[in-house]
Amino acid sequence: MKDNFDFDSINMNYWERNSKWLVPLLVVFFLLATLFIVNEIMPDFKIVPDWVIYTVSCVGLISAGIFCRFTNTISAKIFEGVIIIFAISYAVWSFFK
């Protein structure tokens, strides 16, 4: 049986190992943070409609989840577990709402 250990990843730093799923997650974070900060400072000021930012954020979260599923690191597995717990909690909440 083949070992699942990748010897090339020994010399890789954290960012190199996890950048595939961290980049979409950071884009989502900065998009949503910018949206909330701008809405707090100037509520009537809209450069981009909110639905566009929410749509891009959903696509970014889905791609981060897919890429973290294919990344074999502990932090990717923790993020995957958090997403699963969040999805189950949201499903239960929306069912009993």
Protein backbone atom coordinates (compact mmCIF):
# COMPACT_ATOMS: atom_id res chain seq x y z
CA MET A 1 0.00 0.00 0.00
CA LYS A 2 1.39 3.37 -0.99
CA ASP A 3 2.18 5.86 1.76
CA ASN A 4 0.18 9.10 1.59
CA PHE A 5 3.13 11.28 2.69
CA ASP A 6 4.41 13.83 0.19
CA PHE A 7 8.16 14.28 0.61
CA ASP A 8 8.15 17.47 -1.48
CA SER A 9 5.95 19.20 1.10
CA ILE A 10 8.66 19.00 3.78
CA ASN A 11 10.36 22.16 2.51
CA MET A 12 7.11 24.03 1.78
CA ASN A 13 5.91 26.72 4.14
CA TYR A 14 2.34 27.13 5.38
CA TRP A 15 1.27 29.49 2.61
CA GLU A 16 2.60 27.24 -0.16
CA ARG A 17 0.75 24.23 1.23
CA ASN A 18 -2.57 25.97 1.84
CA SER A 19 -2.74 28.82 -0.69
CA LYS A 20 -5.21 26.98 -2.94
CA TRP A 21 -8.00 27.30 -0.38
CA LEU A 22 -6.77 30.33 1.58
CA VAL A 23 -6.79 32.74 -1.39
CA PRO A 24 -10.55 32.42 -2.07
CA LEU A 25 -11.20 32.62 1.67
CA LEU A 26 -9.19 35.83 1.99
CA VAL A 27 -10.97 37.34 -1.02
CA VAL A 28 -14.32 36.57 0.60
CA PHE A 29 -13.17 38.04 3.90
CA PHE A 30 -11.96 41.28 2.34
CA LEU A 31 -15.06 41.64 0.14
CA LEU A 32 -17.44 41.22 3.06
CA ALA A 33 -15.36 43.37 5.40
CA THR A 34 -15.23 46.15 2.83
CA LEU A 35 -18.97 45.90 2.27
CA PHE A 36 -19.78 46.14 5.98
CA ILE A 37 -17.29 48.95 6.65
CA VAL A 38 -18.51 51.04 3.72
CA ASN A 39 -22.15 50.45 4.72
CA GLU A 40 -21.35 51.52 8.27
CA ILE A 41 -19.54 54.71 7.26
CA MET A 42 -21.72 55.73 4.29
CA PRO A 43 -24.99 53.77 4.13
CA ASP A 44 -26.18 55.42 0.89
CA PHE A 45 -22.89 54.92 -1.00
CA LYS A 46 -22.98 51.91 -3.35
CA ILE A 47 -20.22 51.23 -5.88
CA VAL A 48 -21.29 47.64 -6.48
CA PRO A 49 -24.72 46.24 -5.56
CA ASP A 50 -24.79 44.06 -2.46
CA TRP A 51 -26.08 41.03 -4.35
CA VAL A 52 -22.94 41.01 -6.52
CA ILE A 53 -20.68 40.93 -3.47
CA TYR A 54 -22.79 38.21 -1.85
CA THR A 55 -22.74 36.12 -5.03
CA VAL A 56 -18.97 36.41 -5.42
CA SER A 57 -18.58 35.57 -1.73
CA CYS A 58 -20.69 32.43 -2.10
CA VAL A 59 -18.66 31.32 -5.11
CA GLY A 60 -15.45 32.03 -3.16
CA LEU A 61 -16.62 30.01 -0.16
CA ILE A 62 -17.63 27.11 -2.37
CA SER A 63 -14.27 27.14 -4.17
CA ALA A 64 -12.41 27.40 -0.86
CA GLY A 65 -14.35 24.39 0.40
CA ILE A 66 -13.61 22.37 -2.72
CA PHE A 67 -9.91 23.22 -2.68
CA CYS A 68 -9.59 22.54 1.05
CA ARG A 69 -11.08 19.11 0.42
CA PHE A 70 -8.16 18.33 -1.92
CA THR A 71 -5.51 19.77 0.41
CA ASN A 72 -3.96 17.27 2.80
CA THR A 73 -3.12 19.51 5.76
CA ILE A 74 -4.47 19.73 9.29
CA SER A 75 -5.72 23.30 8.87
CA ALA A 76 -7.63 22.32 5.72
CA LYS A 77 -9.30 19.47 7.58
CA ILE A 78 -10.21 21.81 10.45
CA PHE A 79 -11.71 24.30 8.00
CA GLU A 80 -13.60 21.46 6.33
CA GLY A 81 -15.03 20.40 9.69
CA VAL A 82 -16.06 23.96 10.52
CA ILE A 83 -17.84 24.27 7.17
CA ILE A 84 -19.65 20.96 7.72
CA ILE A 85 -20.75 21.98 11.24
CA PHE A 86 -21.90 25.36 9.94
CA ALA A 87 -23.85 23.78 7.07
CA ILE A 88 -25.58 21.27 9.36
CA SER A 89 -26.39 23.98 11.92
CA TYR A 90 -27.83 26.22 9.22
CA ALA A 91 -29.90 23.38 7.81
CA VAL A 92 -31.33 22.53 11.24
CA TRP A 93 -31.98 26.21 11.99
CA SER A 94 -33.75 26.80 8.69
CA PHE A 95 -35.82 23.62 9.18
CA PHE A 96 -37.09 24.66 12.63
CA LYS A 97 -37.43 28.37 11.84
